[in-house]
Amino acid sequence: QVQLVESGGGLVQAGGSLTLSCAASGRTFSPYYMGWFRQAPGEERKFVATVYWFSGYTSYADYVKGRFTISRDTTKNTMYLQMNSLKPEDTAVYYCAVRSTSGRDYEDWGQGTQVTVSS
């Protein structure tokens, strides 16, 4: 019903920056909040950040706070994750997800974009 497509991943050296995008499309799009998650090889998926669509309220995992900034453009149905001071430990597949106003927690997920940080 709602399709999410991540983009902006790539290879960057430690200390560098990347900005990820998550574009939402579909017949209807009525988000309550959207979020970013990541999954490193051999690890479980972990929460990164979330942004409430209407208010713009943001929340971050402690391990990215101060380095990453989540935002959204409501006119483009797009969410962003600006990542600065990247570390090799940030290497992972990054996924975006959305909870609709009528849904329960995250219910739609993108296919992910690879972020690789070299040392």
Protein backbone atom coordinates (compact mmCIF):
# COMPACT_ATOMS: atom_id res chain seq x y z
CA GLN A 1 0.00 0.00 0.00
CA VAL A 2 2.83 2.37 0.88
CA GLN A 3 6.17 1.91 -0.79
CA LEU A 4 9.36 3.19 0.81
CA VAL A 5 12.58 3.53 -1.14
CA GLU A 6 15.86 4.38 0.54
CA SER A 7 18.70 6.03 -1.31
CA GLY A 8 21.94 7.83 -0.64
CA GLY A 9 23.99 5.00 0.75
CA GLY A 10 27.52 4.36 -0.33
CA LEU A 11 31.12 4.09 0.70
CA VAL A 12 32.65 6.80 2.85
CA GLN A 13 35.77 7.06 4.95
CA ALA A 14 35.66 7.44 8.70
CA GLY A 15 34.83 10.99 9.71
CA GLY A 16 32.92 11.63 6.53
CA SER A 17 29.27 12.32 5.93
CA LEU A 18 26.34 10.87 4.04
CA THR A 19 22.72 11.84 3.72
CA LEU A 20 20.12 9.14 3.27
CA SER A 21 16.69 9.69 1.78
CA CYS A 22 13.51 7.70 2.10
CA ALA A 23 10.82 8.47 -0.44
CA ALA A 24 7.28 7.31 0.22
CA SER A 25 4.78 6.64 -2.51
CA GLY A 26 1.46 4.94 -2.99
CA ARG A 27 -2.19 5.61 -3.32
CA THR A 28 -2.35 6.96 0.22
CA PHE A 29 0.29 8.18 2.59
CA SER A 30 -0.81 9.28 6.03
CA PRO A 31 2.15 8.88 8.37
CA TYR A 32 2.14 9.29 12.11
CA TYR A 33 5.88 8.94 12.34
CA MET A 34 8.74 7.59 10.29
CA GLY A 35 12.00 6.15 11.43
CA TRP A 36 15.40 4.85 10.47
CA PHE A 37 16.80 1.49 11.51
CA ARG A 38 20.01 -0.26 10.67
CA GLN A 39 21.31 -3.79 10.60
CA ALA A 40 24.97 -4.69 10.56
CA PRO A 41 26.22 -8.11 9.42
CA GLY A 42 25.51 -10.74 12.03
CA GLU A 43 23.53 -8.33 14.20
CA GLU A 44 19.90 -7.61 14.85
CA ARG A 45 18.14 -4.61 13.44
CA LYS A 46 18.50 -1.57 15.68
CA PHE A 47 16.65 1.69 16.04
CA VAL A 48 18.45 4.80 14.82
CA ALA A 49 16.05 7.73 14.85
CA THR A 50 12.43 8.72 14.38
CA VAL A 51 10.56 11.84 13.35
CA TYR A 52 6.91 12.57 14.01
CA TRP A 53 5.40 13.68 10.76
CA PHE A 54 3.17 16.49 11.92
CA SER A 55 5.07 17.98 14.84
CA GLY A 56 8.59 17.29 13.65
CA TYR A 57 9.53 15.87 17.03
CA THR A 58 12.67 13.77 16.79
CA SER A 59 14.22 11.06 18.85
CA TYR A 60 17.61 9.36 18.52
CA ALA A 61 19.44 6.33 19.69
CA ASP A 62 22.20 7.31 22.09
CA TYR A 63 24.93 5.96 19.85
CA VAL A 64 24.08 8.40 17.04
CA LYS A 65 22.91 11.41 19.00
CA GLY A 66 24.97 14.46 18.13
CA ARG A 67 26.17 12.94 14.88
CA PHE A 68 22.98 12.12 12.98
CA THR A 69 20.05 14.38 12.19
CA ILE A 70 16.66 13.12 11.08
CA SER A 71 14.24 15.33 9.19
CA ARG A 72 11.34 15.17 6.80
CA ASP A 73 9.88 17.18 3.96
CA THR A 74 6.12 16.85 4.14
CA THR A 75 5.66 18.34 0.68
CA LYS A 76 7.80 15.60 -0.84
CA ASN A 77 6.77 12.70 1.41
CA THR A 78 10.44 12.18 2.05
CA MET A 79 12.47 11.54 5.17
CA TYR A 80 16.18 12.17 5.51
CA LEU A 81 19.02 11.09 7.72
CA GLN A 82 22.06 13.32 7.74
CA MET A 83 24.99 11.35 9.06
CA ASN A 84 28.16 13.13 10.14
CA SER A 85 31.35 11.97 11.80
CA LEU A 86 30.76 8.49 10.53
CA LYS A 87 32.52 5.58 12.18
CA PRO A 88 33.28 2.11 10.87
CA GLU A 89 30.76 0.84 13.41
CA ASP A 90 28.07 2.69 11.46
CA THR A 91 28.48 0.26 8.59
CA ALA A 92 25.11 -1.37 8.05
CA VAL A 93 22.09 -1.59 5.84
CA TYR A 94 19.86 1.32 6.71
CA TYR A 95 16.10 0.90 6.49
CA CYS A 96 13.29 3.40 6.67
CA ALA A 97 9.89 2.59 8.08
CA VAL A 98 6.58 4.27 8.67
CA ARG A 99 3.68 4.05 11.06
CA SER A 100 0.42 5.32 9.62
CA THR A 101 -2.08 7.35 11.58
CA SER A 102 -4.38 4.33 11.59
CA GLY A 103 -1.72 1.71 12.17
CA ARG A 104 0.20 0.26 15.08
CA ASP A 105 3.91 0.90 15.27
CA TYR A 106 6.03 0.49 12.17
CA GLU A 107 4.18 -1.40 9.48
CA ASP A 108 5.82 -0.55 6.16
CA TRP A 109 9.50 -0.94 5.43
CA GLY A 110 11.87 -0.11 2.64
CA GLN A 111 14.39 -2.49 1.14
CA GLY A 112 17.36 -0.72 2.64
CA THR A 113 20.45 1.10 1.47
CA GLN A 114 24.00 0.03 2.23
CA VAL A 115 26.29 2.36 4.16
CA THR A 116 29.92 1.34 4.41
CA VAL A 117 32.40 3.34 6.45
CA SER A 118 36.05 2.53 5.95
CA SER A 119 38.71 3.03 8.59
